[in-house]
Amino acid sequence: MSDKLATLNHALRALTHAREVAHWLVLLLGWLWLGQQGTILGWSFASGVLAIAIWWAVRLLCRGGAWAFKSAPWVIGLLGALTLCGVYGLKNLVAQPWTLGVLLGLAVVWGLWSAMIETRSQVSTFQLGNVAWHPVLAAALVACCWQWPDGTPFTNGAVMVLLAVCTVVLYAHDRCTASGTQACYGSRANLQTLLAPSSMGLMMGTLWLSNTWCASLGWSNEEMFGAHLALMAGLPTLTAFLIRTAFPSLAASPLQIYVILSLLALGALMLLGDSLVHSILVMLLPSLAWAVHCSRQRSTVDALPRHKPWMARSLALLLGPVLLVWVGAVSPMQGPWAMQTALALMGLLAAGQLVFLWWRRQGFYLSLSAT
């Protein structure tokens, strides 16, 4: 009996790891493949980022919702199957006038699927083991999908294979753990926890814009694709490992909030320079802030003031999808200035939040000394 239980536990543990890889695959393909499709189809508004913005907005609006938590396991499988159908439909409707509508509909379904995956996740990728290898493996699979099998970037067949495997794994895991899931109370984030994901999302969403600030580096599409993939998936793994081994006290300390905000503020300051080093740092520092954000322990932010769910979602929408659409709409006329302004806004908000937290802490110490 004990041997049978041990075997079941090992199988469930392996399925949990597979689920995390599938989760990262769905996330990375959403950022990269949807953006590429919007660019290929030649959308006249917002330079092709509208599909990513809709997918991102649906994720933010529906993540943590009661429907996503209470739905039966077959719903997550159905949403995955509908996403597959949308990818297949785009392959056969490239020359049709309603192709753009299909892409936006696919973005909505994909966003619902992603929101449900994130809502029903009971673990953190960066707390499953000493090394969070799941995003690295997912990034490697996406990179193979980029040039496989005939050298054409992101062939629909390769994308469909990955999404099909993700659908099966996510449904199987949800079916095995549906009775043991804990309630999800929704998002009650604060400004400091929204800035890093929003900055990273802006960089990922504007990857395919030909006139963005990162294009001034003179890199090819393949090099920019690899750099964004490494920053989105590889840097959080490396950062989490370094924090766990070299700075273990940082992971469980409120100091990580100050580190994240400082990195965002310094990244905005790098916009004042025109050298290659400044261009690399303006991309690296916000990505490093995102990496620290991923590797943090969620309980450390509970002591900080949090916004109500509707306010947190509104802030996330404004700093994420809405700002991304603005960058895409302004970029054809203003070029890299649009993205630079968005990153400068993130840095300014981060600096303001740093001052606010410092002032709040000083007030707390003064009140303690007075008593």
Protein backbone atom coordinates (compact mmCIF):
# COMPACT_ATOMS: atom_id res chain seq x y z
CA MET A 1 0.00 0.00 0.00
CA SER A 2 2.79 2.40 0.93
CA ASP A 3 4.66 1.54 -2.27
CA LYS A 4 1.56 2.34 -4.30
CA LEU A 5 1.13 5.68 -2.51
CA ALA A 6 4.80 6.53 -3.07
CA THR A 7 4.43 5.76 -6.79
CA LEU A 8 1.36 7.97 -7.00
CA ASN A 9 3.18 10.79 -5.21
CA HIS A 10 6.13 10.54 -7.59
CA ALA A 11 3.78 10.57 -10.58
CA LEU A 12 1.89 13.59 -9.24
CA ARG A 13 5.17 15.40 -8.54
CA ALA A 14 6.36 14.75 -12.08
CA LEU A 15 3.01 15.94 -13.42
CA THR A 16 3.34 19.13 -11.35
CA HIS A 17 6.75 19.85 -12.89
CA ALA A 18 5.34 19.15 -16.36
CA ARG A 19 2.48 21.54 -15.63
CA GLU A 20 4.88 24.34 -14.77
CA VAL A 21 6.74 23.84 -18.06
CA ALA A 22 3.40 23.89 -19.90
CA HIS A 23 2.41 27.06 -18.03
CA TRP A 24 5.59 28.82 -19.17
CA LEU A 25 5.12 27.57 -22.72
CA VAL A 26 1.63 29.05 -22.89
CA LEU A 27 2.94 32.32 -21.46
CA LEU A 28 5.99 32.64 -23.73
CA LEU A 29 4.10 31.67 -26.89
CA GLY A 30 1.41 34.20 -25.99
CA TRP A 31 3.96 37.00 -25.86
CA LEU A 32 6.00 35.96 -28.86
CA TRP A 33 3.72 34.18 -31.32
CA LEU A 34 0.73 36.51 -30.99
CA GLY A 35 2.97 39.52 -31.46
CA GLN A 36 4.57 38.03 -34.53
CA GLN A 37 1.19 37.23 -36.04
CA GLY A 38 -0.03 40.78 -35.45
CA THR A 39 3.03 42.09 -37.29
CA ILE A 40 2.78 39.60 -40.16
CA LEU A 41 -0.89 40.37 -40.77
CA GLY A 42 0.00 44.04 -41.13
CA TRP A 43 -2.51 45.54 -38.74
CA SER A 44 -2.75 49.24 -39.51
CA PHE A 45 -3.46 50.28 -35.91
CA ALA A 46 -0.95 50.10 -33.06
CA SER A 47 1.66 48.38 -35.24
CA GLY A 48 0.39 44.88 -34.56
CA VAL A 49 0.51 44.95 -30.74
CA LEU A 50 -3.29 44.99 -30.38
CA ALA A 51 -3.55 41.19 -30.23
CA ILE A 52 -0.99 41.03 -27.40
CA ALA A 53 -2.72 43.90 -25.57
CA ILE A 54 -6.09 42.11 -25.73
CA TRP A 55 -4.56 38.82 -24.56
CA TRP A 56 -2.78 40.64 -21.72
CA ALA A 57 -5.91 42.55 -20.71
CA VAL A 58 -8.08 39.42 -20.61
CA ARG A 59 -5.46 37.70 -18.45
CA LEU A 60 -5.43 40.58 -15.98
CA LEU A 61 -9.22 40.93 -15.85
CA CYS A 62 -10.01 37.23 -15.43
CA ARG A 63 -7.07 36.04 -13.32
CA GLY A 64 -8.18 35.23 -9.79
CA GLY A 65 -11.88 35.23 -10.72
CA ALA A 66 -14.30 32.87 -9.05
CA TRP A 67 -15.34 31.32 -12.38
CA ALA A 68 -11.72 30.37 -13.13
CA PHE A 69 -11.34 28.64 -9.78
CA LYS A 70 -14.70 26.88 -9.66
CA SER A 71 -14.74 25.63 -13.26
CA ALA A 72 -14.52 21.91 -13.90
CA PRO A 73 -11.22 20.47 -15.24
CA TRP A 74 -12.74 19.97 -18.70
CA VAL A 75 -13.01 23.77 -19.09
CA ILE A 76 -9.24 24.19 -19.09
CA GLY A 77 -9.01 21.45 -21.70
CA LEU A 78 -11.72 23.08 -23.80
CA LEU A 79 -9.98 26.47 -23.75
CA GLY A 80 -6.75 24.80 -24.82
CA ALA A 81 -8.56 23.03 -27.66
CA LEU A 82 -10.19 26.29 -28.79
CA THR A 83 -6.77 27.96 -28.78
CA LEU A 84 -5.49 25.17 -31.01
CA CYS A 85 -8.43 25.65 -33.36
CA GLY A 86 -7.67 29.38 -33.54
CA VAL A 87 -4.02 28.75 -34.45
CA TYR A 88 -5.11 26.27 -37.11
CA GLY A 89 -7.71 28.70 -38.43
CA LEU A 90 -5.15 31.47 -38.86
CA LYS A 91 -3.02 29.13 -40.97
CA ASN A 92 -5.85 28.63 -43.44
CA LEU A 93 -7.32 32.15 -43.40
CA VAL A 94 -4.23 34.25 -44.09
CA ALA A 95 -5.65 35.81 -47.25
CA GLN A 96 -9.21 36.28 -45.94
CA PRO A 97 -10.58 39.69 -44.86
CA TRP A 98 -11.76 38.36 -41.51
CA THR A 99 -8.34 36.98 -40.51
CA LEU A 100 -7.66 39.90 -38.18
CA GLY A 101 -10.94 39.25 -36.38
CA VAL A 102 -9.94 35.62 -35.91
CA LEU A 103 -6.62 36.76 -34.43
CA LEU A 104 -8.33 39.03 -31.91
CA GLY A 105 -10.81 36.29 -31.02
CA LEU A 106 -7.90 33.91 -30.53
CA ALA A 107 -6.26 36.49 -28.24
CA VAL A 108 -9.41 36.56 -26.08
CA VAL A 109 -9.61 32.76 -25.82
CA TRP A 110 -5.88 32.48 -25.17
CA GLY A 111 -6.20 35.13 -22.46
CA LEU A 112 -9.02 33.21 -20.77
CA TRP A 113 -6.95 30.03 -20.91
CA SER A 114 -3.89 31.78 -19.44
CA ALA A 115 -5.98 33.39 -16.68
CA MET A 116 -7.44 30.03 -15.72
CA ILE A 117 -4.00 28.38 -15.70
CA GLU A 118 -2.58 31.06 -13.41
CA THR A 119 -5.62 31.10 -11.12
CA ARG A 120 -5.56 27.35 -10.55
CA SER A 121 -1.81 27.16 -10.03
CA GLN A 122 -1.13 26.02 -6.46
CA VAL A 123 2.67 26.33 -6.49
CA SER A 124 5.34 28.81 -7.47
CA THR A 125 7.81 27.73 -10.13
CA PHE A 126 10.67 29.21 -8.14
CA GLN A 127 9.81 27.26 -4.97
CA LEU A 128 9.59 23.77 -6.47
CA GLY A 129 13.30 23.06 -6.09
CA ASN A 130 16.77 24.47 -5.75
CA VAL A 131 16.83 25.44 -9.43
CA ALA A 132 13.75 26.68 -11.30
CA TRP A 133 14.54 24.92 -14.58
CA HIS A 134 10.98 25.00 -15.90
CA PRO A 135 11.10 28.41 -17.69
CA VAL A 136 14.51 27.53 -19.19
CA LEU A 137 13.16 24.30 -20.67
CA ALA A 138 10.08 26.11 -21.96
CA ALA A 139 12.28 28.79 -23.55
CA ALA A 140 14.42 26.10 -25.20
CA LEU A 141 11.31 24.49 -26.68
CA VAL A 142 10.07 27.85 -27.95
CA ALA A 143 13.51 28.51 -29.47
CA CYS A 144 13.36 25.15 -31.26
CA CYS A 145 9.87 26.02 -32.45
CA TRP A 146 11.28 29.28 -33.83
CA GLN A 147 13.49 27.50 -36.40
CA TRP A 148 11.90 24.06 -36.65
CA PRO A 149 11.37 22.10 -38.85
CA ASP A 150 12.04 23.97 -42.11
CA GLY A 151 13.78 27.12 -40.89
CA THR A 152 10.63 29.28 -41.10
CA PRO A 153 10.13 31.30 -37.91
CA PHE A 154 7.23 29.98 -35.82
CA THR A 155 5.56 27.53 -38.19
CA ASN A 156 1.95 26.89 -37.19
CA GLY A 157 2.55 23.15 -37.05
CA ALA A 158 5.29 23.47 -34.43
CA VAL A 159 3.22 25.91 -32.37
CA MET A 160 0.23 23.59 -32.51
CA VAL A 161 2.32 20.62 -31.35
CA LEU A 162 3.53 22.53 -28.29
CA LEU A 163 0.06 23.85 -27.48
CA ALA A 164 -1.46 20.39 -27.87
CA VAL A 165 1.03 18.91 -25.40
CA CYS A 166 0.33 21.81 -23.01
CA THR A 167 -3.42 21.20 -23.25
CA VAL A 168 -3.06 17.51 -22.39
CA VAL A 169 -0.65 18.14 -19.50
CA LEU A 170 -2.70 20.97 -17.99
CA TYR A 171 -5.95 19.02 -18.23
CA ALA A 172 -4.37 15.89 -16.73
CA HIS A 173 -2.89 17.81 -13.81
CA ASP A 174 -6.11 19.72 -13.17
CA ARG A 175 -8.10 16.51 -13.20
CA CYS A 176 -5.75 14.83 -10.72
CA THR A 177 -5.64 17.77 -8.28
CA ALA A 178 -9.12 19.30 -8.66
CA SER A 179 -10.30 18.04 -5.27
CA GLY A 180 -7.24 19.33 -3.43
CA THR A 181 -7.02 22.89 -4.69
CA GLN A 182 -7.26 25.77 -2.26
CA ALA A 183 -9.42 28.82 -2.71
CA CYS A 184 -8.03 31.73 -4.68
CA TYR A 185 -8.98 35.10 -3.28
CA GLY A 186 -8.02 37.17 -6.30
CA SER A 187 -5.45 39.84 -6.86
CA ARG A 188 -4.82 42.43 -4.13
CA ALA A 189 -1.56 43.79 -5.45
CA ASN A 190 0.03 47.15 -4.78
CA LEU A 191 1.87 49.53 -7.05
CA GLN A 192 5.34 48.19 -6.31
CA THR A 193 4.32 44.66 -7.32
CA LEU A 194 2.72 45.89 -10.58
CA LEU A 195 5.58 47.95 -11.99
CA ALA A 196 8.07 45.15 -12.70
CA PRO A 197 5.61 42.85 -14.58
CA SER A 198 4.30 45.85 -16.53
CA SER A 199 7.80 46.91 -17.58
CA MET A 200 8.68 43.38 -18.68
CA GLY A 201 5.39 43.08 -20.53
CA LEU A 202 6.07 46.31 -22.43
CA MET A 203 9.44 45.00 -23.58
CA MET A 204 8.00 41.65 -24.65
CA GLY A 205 4.99 43.24 -26.34
CA THR A 206 7.08 45.62 -28.44
CA LEU A 207 9.59 43.01 -29.63
CA TRP A 208 8.30 42.94 -33.20
CA LEU A 209 8.03 46.71 -33.65
CA SER A 210 10.60 47.65 -36.29
CA ASN A 211 11.01 51.16 -34.89
CA THR A 212 11.37 50.42 -31.18
CA TRP A 213 14.30 51.56 -29.08
CA CYS A 214 15.96 48.11 -29.02
CA ALA A 215 16.17 48.13 -32.83
CA SER A 216 18.81 50.86 -32.51
CA LEU A 217 21.24 48.21 -31.30
CA GLY A 218 21.45 46.91 -34.86
CA TRP A 219 20.48 43.36 -33.90
CA SER A 220 18.72 40.97 -36.25
CA ASN A 221 15.27 39.56 -35.49
CA GLU A 222 16.86 36.31 -34.34
CA GLU A 223 19.18 38.10 -31.92
CA MET A 224 16.41 40.27 -30.47
CA PHE A 225 14.17 37.19 -30.16
CA GLY A 226 16.88 35.30 -28.29
CA ALA A 227 17.64 38.25 -26.01
CA HIS A 228 13.98 38.76 -25.04
CA LEU A 229 13.53 35.03 -24.47
CA ALA A 230 16.60 34.92 -22.24
CA LEU A 231 15.49 37.95 -20.25
CA MET A 232 11.93 36.68 -19.81
CA ALA A 233 12.72 33.06 -18.88
CA GLY A 234 16.45 32.62 -18.25
CA LEU A 235 17.20 35.65 -16.08
CA PRO A 236 14.54 34.83 -13.41
CA THR A 237 15.99 31.30 -13.06
CA LEU A 238 19.52 32.62 -12.64
CA THR A 239 18.44 35.36 -10.26
CA ALA A 240 16.39 32.99 -8.09
CA PHE A 241 19.35 30.60 -7.87
CA LEU A 242 21.76 33.38 -6.87
CA ILE A 243 19.36 34.74 -4.25
CA ARG A 244 18.79 31.25 -2.84
CA THR A 245 22.51 30.46 -2.61
CA ALA A 246 24.27 33.81 -2.08
CA PHE A 247 21.58 36.06 -0.55
CA PRO A 248 19.03 33.77 1.16
CA SER A 249 17.89 36.52 3.52
CA LEU A 250 16.82 38.72 0.59
CA ALA A 251 14.11 36.30 -0.58
CA ALA A 252 12.24 36.57 2.72
CA SER A 253 12.91 40.26 3.34
CA PRO A 254 10.87 43.37 2.46
CA LEU A 255 14.16 44.73 1.15
CA GLN A 256 13.40 43.01 -2.16
CA ILE A 257 10.73 45.64 -2.84
CA TYR A 258 13.35 48.39 -2.57
CA VAL A 259 15.67 46.42 -4.86
CA ILE A 260 12.94 46.06 -7.50
CA LEU A 261 11.99 49.73 -7.40
CA SER A 262 15.63 50.84 -7.48
CA LEU A 263 16.35 48.73 -10.55
CA LEU A 264 13.35 50.20 -12.37
CA ALA A 265 14.38 53.75 -11.47
CA LEU A 266 17.99 53.15 -12.57
CA GLY A 267 16.78 51.61 -15.82
CA ALA A 268 14.87 54.79 -16.62
CA LEU A 269 17.98 56.89 -15.89
CA MET A 270 19.90 54.90 -18.50
CA LEU A 271 17.66 56.52 -21.13
CA LEU A 272 19.71 59.68 -20.68
CA GLY A 273 22.69 58.08 -22.42
CA ASP A 274 23.14 57.08 -26.07
CA SER A 275 26.00 54.57 -25.82
CA LEU A 276 25.74 50.82 -26.34
CA VAL A 277 26.16 50.27 -22.61
CA HIS A 278 23.21 52.54 -21.85
CA SER A 279 21.07 50.73 -24.43
CA ILE A 280 21.86 47.34 -22.89
CA LEU A 281 21.35 48.52 -19.31
CA VAL A 282 17.98 50.10 -20.10
CA MET A 283 16.84 46.64 -21.19
CA LEU A 284 18.69 44.64 -18.53
CA LEU A 285 17.79 46.57 -15.36
CA PRO A 286 13.96 46.38 -15.73
CA SER A 287 14.33 42.72 -16.69
CA LEU A 288 16.39 42.14 -13.55
CA ALA A 289 13.64 43.83 -11.55
CA TRP A 290 11.17 41.38 -13.10
CA ALA A 291 13.50 38.50 -12.20
CA VAL A 292 13.68 39.57 -8.55
CA HIS A 293 9.90 39.99 -8.60
CA CYS A 294 9.49 36.38 -9.79
CA SER A 295 11.80 34.93 -7.15
CA ARG A 296 10.26 36.79 -4.21
CA GLN A 297 8.24 35.11 -1.48
CA ARG A 298 4.64 36.28 -1.75
CA SER A 299 4.17 36.46 2.02
CA THR A 300 6.72 39.26 2.31
CA VAL A 301 4.38 41.77 0.67
CA ASP A 302 1.49 41.10 3.03
CA ALA A 303 2.69 43.72 5.49
CA LEU A 304 2.58 46.43 2.82
CA PRO A 305 -0.62 48.34 1.99
CA ARG A 306 -2.56 46.68 -0.80
CA HIS A 307 -5.15 48.04 -3.18
CA LYS A 308 -8.63 46.64 -3.54
CA PRO A 309 -9.03 44.11 -6.38
CA TRP A 310 -10.79 46.53 -8.74
CA MET A 311 -8.15 49.19 -8.15
CA ALA A 312 -5.29 46.70 -8.63
CA ARG A 313 -6.79 45.48 -11.91
CA SER A 314 -7.34 49.04 -13.12
CA LEU A 315 -3.73 49.98 -12.37
CA ALA A 316 -2.47 46.81 -14.04
CA LEU A 317 -4.54 47.53 -17.15
CA LEU A 318 -3.36 51.14 -17.38
CA LEU A 319 0.32 50.33 -16.84
CA GLY A 320 0.20 47.26 -19.06
CA PRO A 321 -2.16 46.74 -22.04
CA VAL A 322 -3.34 50.36 -22.31
CA LEU A 323 0.22 51.71 -22.25
CA LEU A 324 1.29 49.03 -24.74
CA VAL A 325 -1.43 50.09 -27.19
CA TRP A 326 -0.34 53.70 -26.79
CA VAL A 327 3.27 52.77 -27.56
CA GLY A 328 2.18 50.82 -30.63
CA ALA A 329 -0.02 53.65 -31.88
CA VAL A 330 2.59 56.39 -31.37
CA SER A 331 5.67 54.44 -32.53
CA PRO A 332 5.04 54.82 -36.30
CA MET A 333 5.19 58.60 -35.89
CA GLN A 334 7.60 59.04 -32.97
CA GLY A 335 9.82 55.96 -33.27
CA PRO A 336 11.79 54.86 -30.17
CA TRP A 337 10.60 57.91 -28.23
CA ALA A 338 7.28 56.19 -27.42
CA MET A 339 8.88 53.20 -25.70
CA GLN A 340 11.44 55.41 -23.98
CA THR A 341 8.62 57.53 -22.57
CA ALA A 342 6.82 54.44 -21.28
CA LEU A 343 9.95 53.15 -19.54
CA ALA A 344 10.63 56.63 -18.14
CA LEU A 345 7.10 56.65 -16.69
CA MET A 346 7.79 53.29 -15.01
CA GLY A 347 11.03 54.63 -13.58
CA LEU A 348 9.35 57.80 -12.33
CA LEU A 349 6.59 55.81 -10.61
CA ALA A 350 9.19 53.49 -9.09
CA ALA A 351 11.19 56.45 -7.76
CA GLY A 352 8.04 58.01 -6.33
CA GLN A 353 7.09 54.74 -4.68
CA LEU A 354 10.59 54.48 -3.18
CA VAL A 355 10.22 57.93 -1.64
CA PHE A 356 6.75 57.06 -0.35
CA LEU A 357 7.91 53.81 1.28
CA TRP A 358 10.92 55.57 2.85
CA TRP A 359 8.69 58.35 4.18
CA ARG A 360 6.21 55.81 5.52
CA ARG A 361 8.94 53.86 7.28
CA GLN A 362 10.38 57.05 8.81
CA GLY A 363 6.94 57.94 10.10
CA PHE A 364 6.59 54.46 11.57
CA TYR A 365 9.91 54.76 13.41
CA LEU A 366 8.98 58.22 14.70
CA SER A 367 5.69 56.91 16.07
CA LEU A 368 7.52 54.07 17.82
CA SER A 369 10.03 56.46 19.40
CA ALA A 370 7.20 58.70 20.56
CA THR A 371 5.55 55.83 22.43
